[in-house]
Amino acid sequence: MTIKDRFGRPVINLRVSVTQRCNLHCPYCHREGQEKHVENKVTEMTSGEIARLVRIAVGLGIKKVKLTGGEPLVREDITEIVAKIGEIPGVRDLSMTTNGTMLANYAEDLYDAGLVRVNVNIPTLRANVYSKLTGGKLHDVLKGIEEAIKVGLHPVKLNMLILKGVNDEEVEDMIKFAGKTGTILQLIELEPINITDEYYKRYHHPLNGYELELKRRALKIKTRRFMHNRRIYYLPEAKVEVIHPIENTEFCAHCTRLRITSDGKLKPCLMRNDNLVDALTPMRNGASDKEIEKLFIEAIMRREPYFKGPTQ
């Protein structure tokens, strides 16, 4: 059974933010669209609460689960979280997005616990630029990528957020790095979420030009039907995906995701915070699985394309 929203879009992907904490300070981080909290009022779900929500979601047709943040690896119980989700029948694909700085220490345990694959945020291959952007060390990320590949996480994807005047001339170098390491490169467009208008205007770089060049060089092109109709370009040296959701009606029309915020709210759309459904409070007040299931259905029915086509 797979539930569809009012626009006929099946919901098969769940992104779970396990924390808003992070060991880096990237100025462009959208934190999965979750609003900032006052530091002393941050609420995080326990590993058991996360697993219970995922289990209920899987019962409604969710097949793929991705753990996000913040930085998931700052949670001391992250391996336990992965293990509990990995035991849920029906989870076909359990993955994680991480900044990679601590991945070298966790990769083997995460793989053993049931993690299948990993996305690593890496905006640049220049150590000085990386340090200036994030406050972290590029060496740690490269070691994390190396270890993830070594232990068998597959595929390892490189998330390269494009920033005008910062790393927009490094795409070719990143393609070569992806080819050398056997990873998949994802070019990602800056989104106007949790950043100032000034920052967005200064650093936003459309990806159309890159996509035209990739199309020219590609040996073949595939479309990921259940991932926003995202295109994969098979170059002679590497695979490259392009993610540009901004004002993209096709992206929204083919969205199959539901999100859970780190404080236990069901989030129908990355771009909105005015239609959330609180699941954690009822759960902590003793709600049954059936009652939580109804909350998921409510959240799914609240889904609607943020960028609508002319007929919607």
Protein backbone atom coordinates (compact mmCIF):
# COMPACT_ATOMS: atom_id res chain seq x y z
CA MET A 1 0.00 0.00 0.00
CA THR A 2 1.35 3.39 -1.02
CA ILE A 3 -0.58 6.52 -0.12
CA LYS A 4 -0.88 9.31 -2.66
CA ASP A 5 -1.51 12.95 -1.84
CA ARG A 6 -4.33 15.03 -3.32
CA PHE A 7 -2.20 15.66 -6.42
CA GLY A 8 -1.66 11.98 -7.17
CA ARG A 9 1.96 11.93 -5.98
CA PRO A 10 2.97 8.72 -4.18
CA VAL A 11 4.80 9.19 -0.88
CA ILE A 12 7.64 6.66 -0.74
CA ASN A 13 10.57 8.67 0.66
CA LEU A 14 11.02 9.81 4.26
CA ARG A 15 13.70 12.24 5.38
CA VAL A 16 14.24 12.21 9.14
CA SER A 17 16.19 15.04 10.74
CA VAL A 18 17.70 13.48 13.86
CA THR A 19 19.23 16.72 15.18
CA GLN A 20 19.69 20.39 14.39
CA ARG A 21 23.11 20.40 16.07
CA CYS A 22 26.23 20.48 13.92
CA ASN A 23 30.00 20.65 14.36
CA LEU A 24 30.37 23.02 11.40
CA HIS A 25 28.91 26.45 10.64
CA CYS A 26 28.07 26.50 6.93
CA PRO A 27 26.25 29.77 6.19
CA TYR A 28 24.13 28.20 3.43
CA CYS A 29 22.71 25.27 5.42
CA HIS A 30 18.92 25.02 5.05
CA ARG A 31 18.58 22.52 7.95
CA GLU A 32 15.90 20.65 5.98
CA GLY A 33 13.75 23.77 6.14
CA GLN A 34 13.36 23.48 9.91
CA GLU A 35 13.00 26.77 11.76
CA LYS A 36 15.73 27.81 14.16
CA HIS A 37 15.16 27.12 17.82
CA VAL A 38 16.22 29.05 20.87
CA GLU A 39 19.25 27.07 22.06
CA ASN A 40 17.81 26.03 25.41
CA LYS A 41 14.48 24.99 23.90
CA VAL A 42 15.76 22.40 21.45
CA THR A 43 13.85 19.12 21.58
CA GLU A 44 15.20 15.98 19.97
CA MET A 45 13.42 12.70 19.48
CA THR A 46 14.88 9.64 21.18
CA SER A 47 16.14 6.72 19.10
CA GLY A 48 13.03 4.76 20.05
CA GLU A 49 10.70 7.59 19.03
CA ILE A 50 12.46 7.93 15.68
CA ALA A 51 12.22 4.19 15.04
CA ARG A 52 8.54 4.13 15.98
CA LEU A 53 7.66 6.96 13.59
CA VAL A 54 9.62 5.30 10.80
CA ARG A 55 7.90 1.97 11.44
CA ILE A 56 4.46 3.61 11.20
CA ALA A 57 5.50 5.45 8.04
CA VAL A 58 6.71 2.21 6.45
CA GLY A 59 3.29 0.72 7.18
CA LEU A 60 1.85 3.46 4.95
CA GLY A 61 4.08 2.63 1.99
CA ILE A 62 7.33 4.46 2.76
CA LYS A 63 10.21 2.44 1.30
CA LYS A 64 13.23 4.71 1.53
CA VAL A 65 14.53 6.48 4.64
CA LYS A 66 17.26 9.11 4.79
CA LEU A 67 18.71 10.44 8.05
CA THR A 68 19.65 14.10 7.98
CA GLY A 69 20.31 17.04 10.31
CA GLY A 70 22.04 19.22 11.32
CA GLU A 71 24.83 16.70 11.38
CA PRO A 72 23.54 13.20 12.23
CA LEU A 73 26.92 12.01 13.49
CA VAL A 74 26.95 14.45 16.43
CA ARG A 75 24.36 12.18 18.05
CA GLU A 76 26.11 9.66 20.28
CA ASP A 77 23.33 7.16 19.62
CA ILE A 78 23.40 7.47 15.82
CA THR A 79 24.50 3.86 15.32
CA GLU A 80 21.62 2.73 17.56
CA ILE A 81 19.19 4.82 15.50
CA VAL A 82 20.45 3.22 12.28
CA ALA A 83 20.24 -0.27 13.79
CA LYS A 84 16.65 0.20 14.99
CA ILE A 85 15.50 1.49 11.60
CA GLY A 86 17.47 -1.20 9.80
CA GLU A 87 15.46 -3.86 11.65
CA ILE A 88 12.12 -2.54 10.36
CA PRO A 89 10.68 -4.84 7.68
CA GLY A 90 9.92 -2.92 4.51
CA VAL A 91 12.79 -0.41 4.66
CA ARG A 92 14.48 -1.05 1.32
CA ASP A 93 16.98 1.79 1.36
CA LEU A 94 18.46 3.39 4.50
CA SER A 95 20.83 6.25 3.82
CA MET A 96 22.32 9.33 5.47
CA THR A 97 23.46 12.82 4.54
CA THR A 98 26.51 13.96 6.49
CA ASN A 99 29.24 16.59 6.29
CA GLY A 100 31.69 13.69 6.45
CA THR A 101 34.05 15.15 9.03
CA MET A 102 33.39 12.32 11.50
CA LEU A 103 32.49 9.65 8.98
CA ALA A 104 35.86 7.88 9.09
CA ASN A 105 35.18 6.95 12.73
CA TYR A 106 31.59 5.83 12.15
CA ALA A 107 31.46 4.31 8.66
CA GLU A 108 32.11 0.69 9.58
CA ASP A 109 29.72 0.68 12.55
CA LEU A 110 27.01 2.37 10.49
CA TYR A 111 27.41 -0.16 7.69
CA ASP A 112 27.26 -3.04 10.15
CA ALA A 113 24.12 -1.50 11.70
CA GLY A 114 22.31 -1.45 8.36
CA LEU A 115 23.18 1.82 6.60
CA VAL A 116 23.24 1.21 2.86
CA ARG A 117 24.65 4.40 1.38
CA VAL A 118 25.74 7.89 2.25
CA ASN A 119 25.72 11.42 0.82
CA VAL A 120 28.67 13.60 1.81
CA ASN A 121 28.45 17.39 1.61
CA ILE A 122 31.66 18.61 0.01
CA PRO A 123 31.45 22.04 -1.66
CA THR A 124 35.12 22.29 -2.61
CA LEU A 125 38.38 20.37 -2.94
CA ARG A 126 40.43 23.36 -1.81
CA ALA A 127 41.32 23.04 1.86
CA ASN A 128 41.51 26.79 2.49
CA VAL A 129 38.14 27.45 0.86
CA TYR A 130 36.57 24.56 2.77
CA SER A 131 37.90 25.85 6.08
CA LYS A 132 36.69 29.38 5.38
CA LEU A 133 33.23 28.16 4.35
CA THR A 134 32.58 25.62 7.08
CA GLY A 135 35.14 25.98 9.85
CA GLY A 136 36.12 22.33 9.32
CA LYS A 137 39.03 20.44 7.79
CA LEU A 138 38.78 19.08 4.26
CA HIS A 139 41.21 16.30 5.19
CA ASP A 140 38.63 14.85 7.60
CA VAL A 141 35.98 14.78 4.88
CA LEU A 142 38.28 13.09 2.38
CA LYS A 143 39.16 10.45 4.99
CA GLY A 144 35.46 9.94 5.65
CA ILE A 145 34.73 9.41 1.95
CA GLU A 146 37.64 6.99 1.67
CA GLU A 147 36.47 4.96 4.68
CA ALA A 148 32.85 4.89 3.52
CA ILE A 149 33.94 3.41 0.20
CA LYS A 150 36.27 0.96 1.94
CA VAL A 151 33.62 -0.51 4.27
CA GLY A 152 31.10 -1.01 1.47
CA LEU A 153 28.65 1.88 1.67
CA HIS A 154 27.40 2.20 -1.90
CA PRO A 155 26.92 4.40 -3.63
CA VAL A 156 28.78 7.24 -1.96
CA LYS A 157 27.42 10.51 -3.34
CA LEU A 158 29.18 13.86 -3.22
CA ASN A 159 26.82 16.80 -2.60
CA MET A 160 28.37 19.89 -4.18
CA LEU A 161 26.33 23.01 -3.47
CA ILE A 162 27.23 25.59 -6.10
CA LEU A 163 28.04 29.10 -4.82
CA LYS A 164 28.66 31.91 -7.27
CA GLY A 165 32.19 33.25 -7.04
CA VAL A 166 33.20 30.62 -4.48
CA ASN A 167 33.27 27.17 -6.08
CA ASP A 168 31.47 27.58 -9.41
CA GLU A 169 34.75 27.08 -11.28
CA GLU A 170 35.48 23.77 -9.51
CA VAL A 171 32.86 21.55 -11.08
CA GLU A 172 35.28 19.94 -13.51
CA ASP A 173 37.72 19.14 -10.70
CA MET A 174 34.90 17.56 -8.70
CA ILE A 175 33.81 15.46 -11.70
CA LYS A 176 37.37 14.15 -11.97
CA PHE A 177 37.46 13.43 -8.24
CA ALA A 178 34.17 11.54 -8.48
CA GLY A 179 35.56 9.49 -11.35
CA LYS A 180 38.77 8.74 -9.48
CA THR A 181 36.97 7.63 -6.31
CA GLY A 182 34.04 5.84 -7.97
CA THR A 183 31.54 8.16 -6.33
CA ILE A 184 28.53 9.98 -7.83
CA LEU A 185 28.54 13.77 -8.01
CA GLN A 186 25.39 15.75 -7.25
CA LEU A 187 25.38 19.40 -8.27
CA ILE A 188 22.96 21.25 -6.02
CA GLU A 189 21.40 24.68 -6.46
CA LEU A 190 21.35 27.08 -3.51
CA GLU A 191 17.85 27.32 -2.05
CA PRO A 192 16.38 30.45 -0.39
CA ILE A 193 15.67 28.63 2.86
CA ASN A 194 17.02 29.76 6.25
CA ILE A 195 19.34 32.26 4.59
CA THR A 196 19.00 36.00 4.01
CA ASP A 197 17.82 37.46 0.70
CA GLU A 198 21.17 39.21 0.48
CA TYR A 199 23.09 35.94 0.79
CA TYR A 200 20.89 34.25 -1.78
CA LYS A 201 21.23 37.03 -4.33
CA ARG A 202 24.98 37.18 -3.84
CA TYR A 203 25.75 33.46 -4.12
CA HIS A 204 22.90 31.85 -6.08
CA HIS A 205 24.12 30.32 -9.33
CA PRO A 206 21.63 28.69 -11.75
CA LEU A 207 22.65 25.21 -12.88
CA ASN A 208 21.26 25.42 -16.42
CA GLY A 209 24.68 26.08 -17.96
CA TYR A 210 26.24 23.08 -16.25
CA GLU A 211 23.35 20.89 -17.35
CA LEU A 212 23.73 21.90 -20.99
CA GLU A 213 27.41 20.99 -20.87
CA LEU A 214 26.68 17.68 -19.15
CA LYS A 215 24.07 16.90 -21.80
CA ARG A 216 26.64 17.56 -24.51
CA ARG A 217 29.20 15.23 -22.93
CA ALA A 218 26.91 12.47 -21.66
CA LEU A 219 27.08 8.97 -23.12
CA LYS A 220 23.52 8.48 -21.88
CA ILE A 221 20.96 10.30 -19.72
CA LYS A 222 18.45 8.74 -17.33
CA THR A 223 15.57 10.27 -15.42
CA ARG A 224 14.86 9.27 -11.81
CA ARG A 225 11.08 9.14 -11.96
CA PHE A 226 10.49 8.98 -8.20
CA MET A 227 13.15 11.56 -7.37
CA HIS A 228 11.62 14.73 -8.80
CA ASN A 229 12.40 13.54 -12.37
CA ARG A 230 16.02 14.32 -11.61
CA ARG A 231 18.40 13.61 -14.49
CA ILE A 232 21.53 11.50 -14.27
CA TYR A 233 24.28 12.22 -16.77
CA TYR A 234 26.60 9.32 -17.53
CA LEU A 235 29.88 10.92 -18.54
CA PRO A 236 32.86 8.87 -19.70
CA GLU A 237 34.58 9.55 -16.36
CA ALA A 238 31.74 9.78 -13.81
CA LYS A 239 28.01 9.96 -13.10
CA VAL A 240 26.58 13.40 -12.34
CA GLU A 241 23.12 14.33 -11.04
CA VAL A 242 21.72 17.86 -11.14
CA ILE A 243 19.35 19.14 -8.46
CA HIS A 244 17.78 22.51 -9.17
CA PRO A 245 14.43 22.81 -7.38
CA ILE A 246 14.10 26.58 -7.44
CA GLU A 247 10.90 27.64 -9.22
CA ASN A 248 10.94 24.21 -10.83
CA THR A 249 7.39 22.95 -11.37
CA GLU A 250 8.65 19.58 -12.60
CA PHE A 251 10.65 19.09 -9.39
CA CYS A 252 7.59 19.75 -7.25
CA ALA A 253 5.19 17.82 -9.46
CA HIS A 254 7.24 14.66 -8.95
CA CYS A 255 8.06 15.05 -5.25
CA THR A 256 7.63 11.80 -3.31
CA ARG A 257 9.01 12.98 0.05
CA LEU A 258 7.69 13.54 3.52
CA ARG A 259 9.93 14.95 6.24
CA ILE A 260 10.14 14.57 10.00
CA THR A 261 11.80 17.44 11.85
CA SER A 262 14.22 16.78 14.69
CA ASP A 263 11.52 17.84 17.17
CA GLY A 264 9.04 15.32 15.83
CA LYS A 265 6.85 17.30 13.43
CA LEU A 266 5.69 15.87 10.13
CA LYS A 267 6.71 18.32 7.41
CA PRO A 268 4.88 18.03 4.08
CA CYS A 269 7.11 20.49 2.16
CA LEU A 270 10.72 21.63 2.43
CA MET A 271 9.74 25.20 1.57
CA ARG A 272 6.95 25.65 4.15
CA ASN A 273 6.53 25.64 7.92
CA ASP A 274 2.88 26.67 8.11
CA ASN A 275 1.42 23.19 7.55
CA LEU A 276 3.36 21.00 10.01
CA VAL A 277 1.71 18.17 11.95
CA ASP A 278 3.02 17.55 15.45
CA ALA A 279 3.56 13.83 16.04
CA LEU A 280 5.96 13.90 18.99
CA THR A 281 3.62 15.57 21.50
CA PRO A 282 0.75 13.09 20.93
CA MET A 283 3.24 10.22 20.99
CA ARG A 284 4.65 11.34 24.35
CA ASN A 285 1.09 11.73 25.61
CA GLY A 286 0.36 8.08 24.91
CA ALA A 287 -1.11 8.12 21.39
CA SER A 288 -1.56 4.69 19.80
CA ASP A 289 0.08 3.66 16.52
CA LYS A 290 -3.30 4.03 14.82
CA GLU A 291 -3.61 7.62 16.07
CA ILE A 292 -0.07 8.43 14.89
CA GLU A 293 -0.88 6.83 11.55
CA LYS A 294 -3.79 9.26 11.14
CA LEU A 295 -1.36 12.14 11.72
CA PHE A 296 0.83 10.85 8.89
CA ILE A 297 -2.19 10.66 6.60
CA GLU A 298 -3.14 14.21 7.56
CA ALA A 299 0.37 15.44 6.74
CA ILE A 300 0.33 13.63 3.40
CA MET A 301 -3.01 15.23 2.52
CA ARG A 302 -1.50 18.64 3.30
CA ARG A 303 1.16 18.12 0.64
CA GLU A 304 0.89 20.31 -2.42
CA PRO A 305 3.41 21.44 -5.05
CA TYR A 306 5.14 24.62 -3.83
CA PHE A 307 5.92 25.72 -7.39
CA LYS A 308 2.71 25.00 -9.27
CA GLY A 309 2.31 24.52 -12.98
CA PRO A 310 -0.29 26.48 -14.99
CA THR A 311 -2.93 23.75 -14.57
CA GLN A 312 -2.57 23.33 -10.79
